[in-house]
Amino acid sequence: PMGFPISTAIGHQLNPQVSFSKEGRYLVVWTDTRNGENRFSLYETDIFGALVDATREPPIVLNPDGIPISAEPDAKNEWEANVASDGSTFLVVFKGVFKGSVSGDPNAGNGVLATRVTPEGAVLNKFSSVHNDFRIYVGEIGGRRKLGIAFGNGVYLVSTGYYYSKLLNRTYLYSLTPVASDGPVLESHGINIGLNERIFDMDIVFGGGQFLVVWEQRDRF
């Protein structure tokens, strides 16, 4: 098909998402395997991105080598990024599994994180084992549950799906987490929207003064 390459790095570039900000720039984010010991392993992934200048003809990829949005040594695996913009900066959300989850470190283990990225490509909040301004959720996360994100009325709204497992009796919890435009999580426990193990792949859009949340539900046959 017609198009132009965003990234041709070694390894896999997976699950791309895109959002638009000011000055005619898009931010494309994806899951990337380039830094893994096995550069094609889906169990050693990071989050990369690239800005695209749409004011040029044809559009120009400003970061052909990619922006390492979350590629920290403290993280074992980061995946399933999504992105939205408040018109000024971008907010990138993603899932992660982090080292030290059994060490008592409160910033280790599984979770949903976010970081802001400027239209110039600067990453404003990077995860570390010492400090992280943007931990949206800490705990077990459903591997196939897509993160939804949208901006409206001065806040981002992030949908998360994760599970609690005790002897494989899994309970899936779905919540919406509001995040201020400048970063703080406004509701640390999220807004519970229900328990259902057959809900997959939420998405969110804002329009007409309200958010609309949609999802796939797989009923029993």
C-alpha atoms as a PDB file:
ATOM      1  CA  PRO A   1       0.000   0.000   0.000  1.00  0.00           C
ATOM      2  CA  MET A   2       0.988   3.634  -0.401  1.00  0.00           C
ATOM      3  CA  GLY A   3       2.591   5.298   2.630  1.00  0.00           C
ATOM      4  CA  PHE A   4       5.915   6.265   4.180  1.00  0.00           C
ATOM      5  CA  PRO A   5       7.942   4.485   6.894  1.00  0.00           C
ATOM      6  CA  ILE A   6       7.736   5.787  10.477  1.00  0.00           C
ATOM      7  CA  SER A   7      10.376   3.377  11.817  1.00  0.00           C
ATOM      8  CA  THR A   8      12.602   0.775  10.168  1.00  0.00           C
ATOM      9  CA  ALA A   9      14.632  -0.108  13.276  1.00  0.00           C
ATOM     10  CA  ILE A  10      15.887  -3.623  13.920  1.00  0.00           C
ATOM     11  CA  GLY A  11      13.420  -5.929  15.657  1.00  0.00           C
ATOM     12  CA  HIS A  12       9.660  -5.499  15.771  1.00  0.00           C
ATOM     13  CA  GLN A  13       7.644  -2.268  15.914  1.00  0.00           C
ATOM     14  CA  LEU A  14       4.127  -3.178  17.055  1.00  0.00           C
ATOM     15  CA  ASN A  15       0.705  -1.735  17.941  1.00  0.00           C
ATOM     16  CA  PRO A  16       1.118   1.847  16.638  1.00  0.00           C
ATOM     17  CA  GLN A  17      -1.112   4.641  17.946  1.00  0.00           C
ATOM     18  CA  VAL A  18      -1.163   8.297  16.917  1.00  0.00           C
ATOM     19  CA  SER A  19      -2.381  11.700  18.124  1.00  0.00           C
ATOM     20  CA  PHE A  20      -2.188  15.276  16.820  1.00  0.00           C
ATOM     21  CA  SER A  21      -0.971  18.382  18.657  1.00  0.00           C
ATOM     22  CA  LYS A  22      -0.172  21.946  17.718  1.00  0.00           C
ATOM     23  CA  GLU A  23       2.068  23.190  14.898  1.00  0.00           C
ATOM     24  CA  GLY A  24       0.972  20.424  12.539  1.00  0.00           C
ATOM     25  CA  ARG A  25       2.772  17.646  14.405  1.00  0.00           C
ATOM     26  CA  TYR A  26       1.650  14.094  15.083  1.00  0.00           C
ATOM     27  CA  LEU A  27       3.145  11.771  17.683  1.00  0.00           C
ATOM     28  CA  VAL A  28       3.204   8.087  16.726  1.00  0.00           C
ATOM     29  CA  VAL A  29       3.918   5.618  19.566  1.00  0.00           C
ATOM     30  CA  TRP A  30       4.510   1.874  19.452  1.00  0.00           C
ATOM     31  CA  THR A  31       5.896  -1.198  21.247  1.00  0.00           C
ATOM     32  CA  ASP A  32       9.525  -1.838  20.240  1.00  0.00           C
ATOM     33  CA  THR A  33      11.803  -4.884  20.689  1.00  0.00           C
ATOM     34  CA  ARG A  34      15.137  -3.369  19.565  1.00  0.00           C
ATOM     35  CA  ASN A  35      16.736  -3.221  23.030  1.00  0.00           C
ATOM     36  CA  GLY A  36      16.025  -6.796  24.096  1.00  0.00           C
ATOM     37  CA  GLU A  37      18.738  -9.410  24.474  1.00  0.00           C
ATOM     38  CA  ASN A  38      16.868 -11.165  21.691  1.00  0.00           C
ATOM     39  CA  ARG A  39      15.899  -8.232  19.505  1.00  0.00           C
ATOM     40  CA  PHE A  40      12.797  -9.980  18.249  1.00  0.00           C
ATOM     41  CA  SER A  41      11.477 -11.159  21.639  1.00  0.00           C
ATOM     42  CA  LEU A  42       7.995 -10.007  22.621  1.00  0.00           C
ATOM     43  CA  TYR A  43       8.972 -10.362  26.303  1.00  0.00           C
ATOM     44  CA  GLU A  44      11.621  -7.620  26.284  1.00  0.00           C
ATOM     45  CA  THR A  45       9.845  -4.563  24.871  1.00  0.00           C
ATOM     46  CA  ASP A  46      10.020  -0.782  25.275  1.00  0.00           C
ATOM     47  CA  ILE A  47       7.889   2.168  24.197  1.00  0.00           C
ATOM     48  CA  PHE A  48       9.238   4.317  21.370  1.00  0.00           C
ATOM     49  CA  GLY A  49       7.716   7.161  19.385  1.00  0.00           C
ATOM     50  CA  ALA A  50       8.350   9.566  16.517  1.00  0.00           C
ATOM     51  CA  LEU A  51       7.064  12.999  15.561  1.00  0.00           C
ATOM     52  CA  VAL A  52       5.674  13.541  12.084  1.00  0.00           C
ATOM     53  CA  ASP A  53       5.584  17.048  10.557  1.00  0.00           C
ATOM     54  CA  ALA A  54       2.380  17.199   8.515  1.00  0.00           C
ATOM     55  CA  THR A  55       3.029  20.734   7.253  1.00  0.00           C
ATOM     56  CA  ARG A  56       5.526  19.347   4.708  1.00  0.00           C
ATOM     57  CA  GLU A  57       4.624  17.613   1.468  1.00  0.00           C
ATOM     58  CA  PRO A  58       5.223  14.767   1.750  1.00  0.00           C
ATOM     59  CA  PRO A  59       5.107  14.628   5.585  1.00  0.00           C
ATOM     60  CA  ILE A  60       8.497  14.240   7.276  1.00  0.00           C
ATOM     61  CA  VAL A  61       9.364  11.889  10.141  1.00  0.00           C
ATOM     62  CA  LEU A  62      11.408  14.087  12.496  1.00  0.00           C
ATOM     63  CA  ASN A  63      12.821  11.210  14.573  1.00  0.00           C
ATOM     64  CA  PRO A  64      13.677   8.367  12.170  1.00  0.00           C
ATOM     65  CA  ASP A  65      15.661   6.578  14.917  1.00  0.00           C
ATOM     66  CA  GLY A  66      12.736   6.909  17.331  1.00  0.00           C
ATOM     67  CA  ILE A  67      12.244   8.652  20.677  1.00  0.00           C
ATOM     68  CA  PRO A  68      12.787   6.311  23.671  1.00  0.00           C
ATOM     69  CA  ILE A  69       9.626   7.232  25.578  1.00  0.00           C
ATOM     70  CA  SER A  70      10.050   4.425  28.093  1.00  0.00           C
ATOM     71  CA  ALA A  71      13.166   2.306  27.670  1.00  0.00           C
ATOM     72  CA  GLU A  72      14.535   2.209  31.212  1.00  0.00           C
ATOM     73  CA  PRO A  73      16.751  -0.546  32.678  1.00  0.00           C
ATOM     74  CA  ASP A  74      14.356  -0.709  35.663  1.00  0.00           C
ATOM     75  CA  ALA A  75      11.649  -2.006  33.366  1.00  0.00           C
ATOM     76  CA  LYS A  76      11.512  -5.586  32.165  1.00  0.00           C
ATOM     77  CA  ASN A  77       8.705  -5.123  29.684  1.00  0.00           C
ATOM     78  CA  GLU A  78       6.561  -2.194  28.503  1.00  0.00           C
ATOM     79  CA  TRP A  79       3.818  -2.572  25.922  1.00  0.00           C
ATOM     80  CA  GLU A  80       0.448  -1.461  24.501  1.00  0.00           C
ATOM     81  CA  ALA A  81       0.986   2.295  24.449  1.00  0.00           C
ATOM     82  CA  ASN A  82      -1.724   4.779  23.577  1.00  0.00           C
ATOM     83  CA  VAL A  83      -1.561   8.563  23.190  1.00  0.00           C
ATOM     84  CA  ALA A  84      -3.716  11.701  23.271  1.00  0.00           C
ATOM     85  CA  SER A  85      -3.029  15.443  23.261  1.00  0.00           C
ATOM     86  CA  ASP A  86      -4.416  18.497  25.052  1.00  0.00           C
ATOM     87  CA  GLY A  87      -3.356  20.605  22.067  1.00  0.00           C
ATOM     88  CA  SER A  88      -0.070  21.560  23.699  1.00  0.00           C
ATOM     89  CA  THR A  89       1.637  18.365  24.890  1.00  0.00           C
ATOM     90  CA  PHE A  90       1.006  14.650  24.451  1.00  0.00           C
ATOM     91  CA  LEU A  91       0.192  12.139  27.187  1.00  0.00           C
ATOM     92  CA  VAL A  92       1.421   8.598  26.491  1.00  0.00           C
ATOM     93  CA  VAL A  93       0.035   5.729  28.586  1.00  0.00           C
ATOM     94  CA  PHE A  94       1.378   2.179  28.607  1.00  0.00           C
ATOM     95  CA  LYS A  95       1.518  -1.076  30.571  1.00  0.00           C
ATOM     96  CA  GLY A  96       4.671  -2.274  32.281  1.00  0.00           C
ATOM     97  CA  VAL A  97       6.288  -5.040  34.274  1.00  0.00           C
ATOM     98  CA  PHE A  98       9.133  -3.714  36.400  1.00  0.00           C
ATOM     99  CA  LYS A  99      12.062  -5.288  38.188  1.00  0.00           C
ATOM    100  CA  GLY A 100      12.109  -5.556  41.967  1.00  0.00           C
ATOM    101  CA  SER A 101       8.457  -6.495  42.413  1.00  0.00           C
ATOM    102  CA  VAL A 102       9.372  -8.827  45.282  1.00  0.00           C
ATOM    103  CA  SER A 103      11.886  -6.480  46.927  1.00  0.00           C
ATOM    104  CA  GLY A 104       9.406  -4.255  48.741  1.00  0.00           C
ATOM    105  CA  ASP A 105      10.046  -1.357  46.360  1.00  0.00           C
ATOM    106  CA  PRO A 106       6.685   0.481  46.069  1.00  0.00           C
ATOM    107  CA  ASN A 107       7.572   1.601  42.544  1.00  0.00           C
ATOM    108  CA  ALA A 108       8.150  -1.948  41.295  1.00  0.00           C
ATOM    109  CA  GLY A 109       5.852  -4.624  39.933  1.00  0.00           C
ATOM    110  CA  ASN A 110       3.087  -4.436  37.372  1.00  0.00           C
ATOM    111  CA  GLY A 111       1.180  -1.308  36.510  1.00  0.00           C
ATOM    112  CA  VAL A 112      -0.091   1.347  34.112  1.00  0.00           C
ATOM    113  CA  LEU A 113       2.148   4.381  33.656  1.00  0.00           C
ATOM    114  CA  ALA A 114       2.023   7.621  31.713  1.00  0.00           C
ATOM    115  CA  THR A 115       4.452  10.283  30.594  1.00  0.00           C
ATOM    116  CA  ARG A 116       4.154  13.622  28.832  1.00  0.00           C
ATOM    117  CA  VAL A 117       5.956  14.366  25.560  1.00  0.00           C
ATOM    118  CA  THR A 118       6.340  17.844  24.048  1.00  0.00           C
ATOM    119  CA  PRO A 119       5.766  18.660  20.340  1.00  0.00           C
ATOM    120  CA  GLU A 120       9.573  18.981  20.136  1.00  0.00           C
ATOM    121  CA  GLY A 121      10.049  15.393  21.340  1.00  0.00           C
ATOM    122  CA  ALA A 122      11.186  15.983  24.940  1.00  0.00           C
ATOM    123  CA  VAL A 123      10.022  13.293  27.397  1.00  0.00           C
ATOM    124  CA  LEU A 124       8.988  15.128  30.564  1.00  0.00           C
ATOM    125  CA  ASN A 125       8.366  12.299  33.030  1.00  0.00           C
ATOM    126  CA  LYS A 126      10.536   9.198  32.832  1.00  0.00           C
ATOM    127  CA  PHE A 127      10.017   6.173  35.042  1.00  0.00           C
ATOM    128  CA  SER A 128      12.729   5.212  37.512  1.00  0.00           C
ATOM    129  CA  SER A 129      12.865   2.898  40.506  1.00  0.00           C
ATOM    130  CA  VAL A 130      13.331   5.968  42.721  1.00  0.00           C
ATOM    131  CA  HIS A 131      10.678   8.395  41.517  1.00  0.00           C
ATOM    132  CA  ASN A 132       7.761   8.375  39.134  1.00  0.00           C
ATOM    133  CA  ASP A 133       5.233  11.197  38.787  1.00  0.00           C
ATOM    134  CA  PHE A 134       2.843   9.284  36.574  1.00  0.00           C
ATOM    135  CA  ARG A 135       1.911   5.894  37.977  1.00  0.00           C
ATOM    136  CA  ILE A 136      -1.774   5.529  37.145  1.00  0.00           C
ATOM    137  CA  TYR A 137      -2.267   2.071  38.604  1.00  0.00           C
ATOM    138  CA  VAL A 138      -0.145  -0.497  40.482  1.00  0.00           C
ATOM    139  CA  GLY A 139      -1.112  -4.183  40.367  1.00  0.00           C
ATOM    140  CA  GLU A 140      -1.977  -7.009  38.009  1.00  0.00           C
ATOM    141  CA  ILE A 141      -2.957  -5.946  34.504  1.00  0.00           C
ATOM    142  CA  GLY A 142      -4.880  -7.806  31.847  1.00  0.00           C
ATOM    143  CA  GLY A 143      -2.505  -8.510  29.001  1.00  0.00           C
ATOM    144  CA  ARG A 144      -5.094  -8.203  26.238  1.00  0.00           C
ATOM    145  CA  ARG A 145      -6.955  -5.206  27.637  1.00  0.00           C
ATOM    146  CA  LYS A 146      -6.265  -2.132  25.516  1.00  0.00           C
ATOM    147  CA  LEU A 147      -5.695   1.212  27.226  1.00  0.00           C
ATOM    148  CA  GLY A 148      -8.033   3.939  26.011  1.00  0.00           C
ATOM    149  CA  ILE A 149      -7.273   7.654  26.355  1.00  0.00           C
ATOM    150  CA  ALA A 150      -8.908  10.935  25.321  1.00  0.00           C
ATOM    151  CA  PHE A 151      -8.720  14.608  26.338  1.00  0.00           C
ATOM    152  CA  GLY A 152     -11.636  16.959  27.031  1.00  0.00           C
ATOM    153  CA  ASN A 153     -12.853  19.600  29.500  1.00  0.00           C
ATOM    154  CA  GLY A 154      -9.295  20.127  30.740  1.00  0.00           C
ATOM    155  CA  VAL A 155      -8.577  16.507  31.709  1.00  0.00           C
ATOM    156  CA  TYR A 156      -7.402  13.256  30.171  1.00  0.00           C
ATOM    157  CA  LEU A 157      -9.517  10.180  30.780  1.00  0.00           C
ATOM    158  CA  VAL A 158      -7.700   6.824  30.743  1.00  0.00           C
ATOM    159  CA  SER A 159      -9.463   3.443  30.693  1.00  0.00           C
ATOM    160  CA  THR A 160      -7.678   0.481  32.235  1.00  0.00           C
ATOM    161  CA  GLY A 161      -8.483  -3.202  32.495  1.00  0.00           C
ATOM    162  CA  TYR A 162      -6.672  -5.343  35.006  1.00  0.00           C
ATOM    163  CA  TYR A 163      -7.280  -8.409  37.124  1.00  0.00           C
ATOM    164  CA  TYR A 164      -6.881  -9.885  40.568  1.00  0.00           C
ATOM    165  CA  SER A 165      -6.023 -13.575  40.586  1.00  0.00           C
ATOM    166  CA  LYS A 166      -6.260 -15.965  43.533  1.00  0.00           C
ATOM    167  CA  LEU A 167      -5.681 -19.595  42.612  1.00  0.00           C
ATOM    168  CA  LEU A 168      -6.558 -18.632  38.997  1.00  0.00           C
ATOM    169  CA  ASN A 169     -10.022 -17.417  40.013  1.00  0.00           C
ATOM    170  CA  ARG A 170      -9.577 -14.180  38.096  1.00  0.00           C
ATOM    171  CA  THR A 171     -11.692 -11.099  38.670  1.00  0.00           C
ATOM    172  CA  TYR A 172     -11.355  -8.374  36.048  1.00  0.00           C
ATOM    173  CA  LEU A 173     -11.887  -4.772  37.120  1.00  0.00           C
ATOM    174  CA  TYR A 174     -12.438  -1.920  34.680  1.00  0.00           C
ATOM    175  CA  SER A 175     -11.989   1.684  35.674  1.00  0.00           C
ATOM    176  CA  LEU A 176     -11.609   5.193  34.295  1.00  0.00           C
ATOM    177  CA  THR A 177      -8.839   7.390  35.675  1.00  0.00           C
ATOM    178  CA  PRO A 178      -8.920  11.192  35.195  1.00  0.00           C
ATOM    179  CA  VAL A 179      -5.509  12.848  34.801  1.00  0.00           C
ATOM    180  CA  ALA A 180      -4.940  16.610  34.838  1.00  0.00           C
ATOM    181  CA  SER A 181      -3.453  18.219  31.747  1.00  0.00           C
ATOM    182  CA  ASP A 182      -0.242  19.045  33.633  1.00  0.00           C
ATOM    183  CA  GLY A 183       0.116  15.570  35.054  1.00  0.00           C
ATOM    184  CA  PRO A 184      -1.397  14.774  38.487  1.00  0.00           C
ATOM    185  CA  VAL A 185      -3.711  11.769  38.708  1.00  0.00           C
ATOM    186  CA  LEU A 186      -7.014  13.201  39.960  1.00  0.00           C
ATOM    187  CA  GLU A 187      -8.575   9.957  41.214  1.00  0.00           C
ATOM    188  CA  SER A 188      -5.927   7.531  42.475  1.00  0.00           C
ATOM    189  CA  HIS A 189      -8.342   4.597  42.802  1.00  0.00           C
ATOM    190  CA  GLY A 190     -10.036   5.222  39.460  1.00  0.00           C
ATOM    191  CA  ILE A 191     -13.747   5.307  38.734  1.00  0.00           C
ATOM    192  CA  ASN A 192     -15.076   1.754  38.831  1.00  0.00           C
ATOM    193  CA  ILE A 193     -17.222   0.920  35.809  1.00  0.00           C
ATOM    194  CA  GLY A 194     -17.798  -2.757  36.431  1.00  0.00           C
ATOM    195  CA  LEU A 195     -16.575  -6.304  36.759  1.00  0.00           C
ATOM    196  CA  ASN A 196     -16.745  -8.555  33.718  1.00  0.00           C
ATOM    197  CA  GLU A 197     -14.157 -11.064  32.550  1.00  0.00           C
ATOM    198  CA  ARG A 198     -15.445 -10.890  28.973  1.00  0.00           C
ATOM    199  CA  ILE A 199     -14.798  -7.187  28.271  1.00  0.00           C
ATOM    200  CA  PHE A 200     -11.899  -6.398  25.933  1.00  0.00           C
ATOM    201  CA  ASP A 201     -10.297  -3.410  24.214  1.00  0.00           C
ATOM    202  CA  MET A 202     -11.918  -0.251  25.562  1.00  0.00           C
ATOM    203  CA  ASP A 203     -11.629   3.015  23.680  1.00  0.00           C
ATOM    204  CA  ILE A 204     -12.589   6.607  24.537  1.00  0.00           C
ATOM    205  CA  VAL A 205     -13.465   9.696  22.512  1.00  0.00           C
ATOM    206  CA  PHE A 206     -14.492  13.202  23.603  1.00  0.00           C
ATOM    207  CA  GLY A 207     -17.082  15.350  21.828  1.00  0.00           C
ATOM    208  CA  GLY A 208     -20.122  17.481  22.542  1.00  0.00           C
ATOM    209  CA  GLY A 209     -18.930  18.158  26.070  1.00  0.00           C
ATOM    210  CA  GLN A 210     -18.737  14.526  27.178  1.00  0.00           C
ATOM    211  CA  PHE A 211     -16.677  11.350  26.912  1.00  0.00           C
ATOM    212  CA  LEU A 212     -17.974   8.227  25.180  1.00  0.00           C
ATOM    213  CA  VAL A 213     -16.443   4.902  26.259  1.00  0.00           C
ATOM    214  CA  VAL A 214     -16.888   1.830  24.044  1.00  0.00           C
ATOM    215  CA  TRP A 215     -15.723  -1.769  24.461  1.00  0.00           C
ATOM    216  CA  GLU A 216     -15.958  -5.287  23.092  1.00  0.00           C
ATOM    217  CA  GLN A 217     -17.978  -7.728  25.214  1.00  0.00           C
ATOM    218  CA  ARG A 218     -17.813 -11.463  24.595  1.00  0.00           C
ATOM    219  CA  ASP A 219     -20.938 -13.136  25.924  1.00  0.00           C
ATOM    220  CA  ARG A 220     -21.205 -16.820  26.682  1.00  0.00           C
ATOM    221  CA  PHE A 221     -22.507 -19.064  23.932  1.00  0.00           C
END
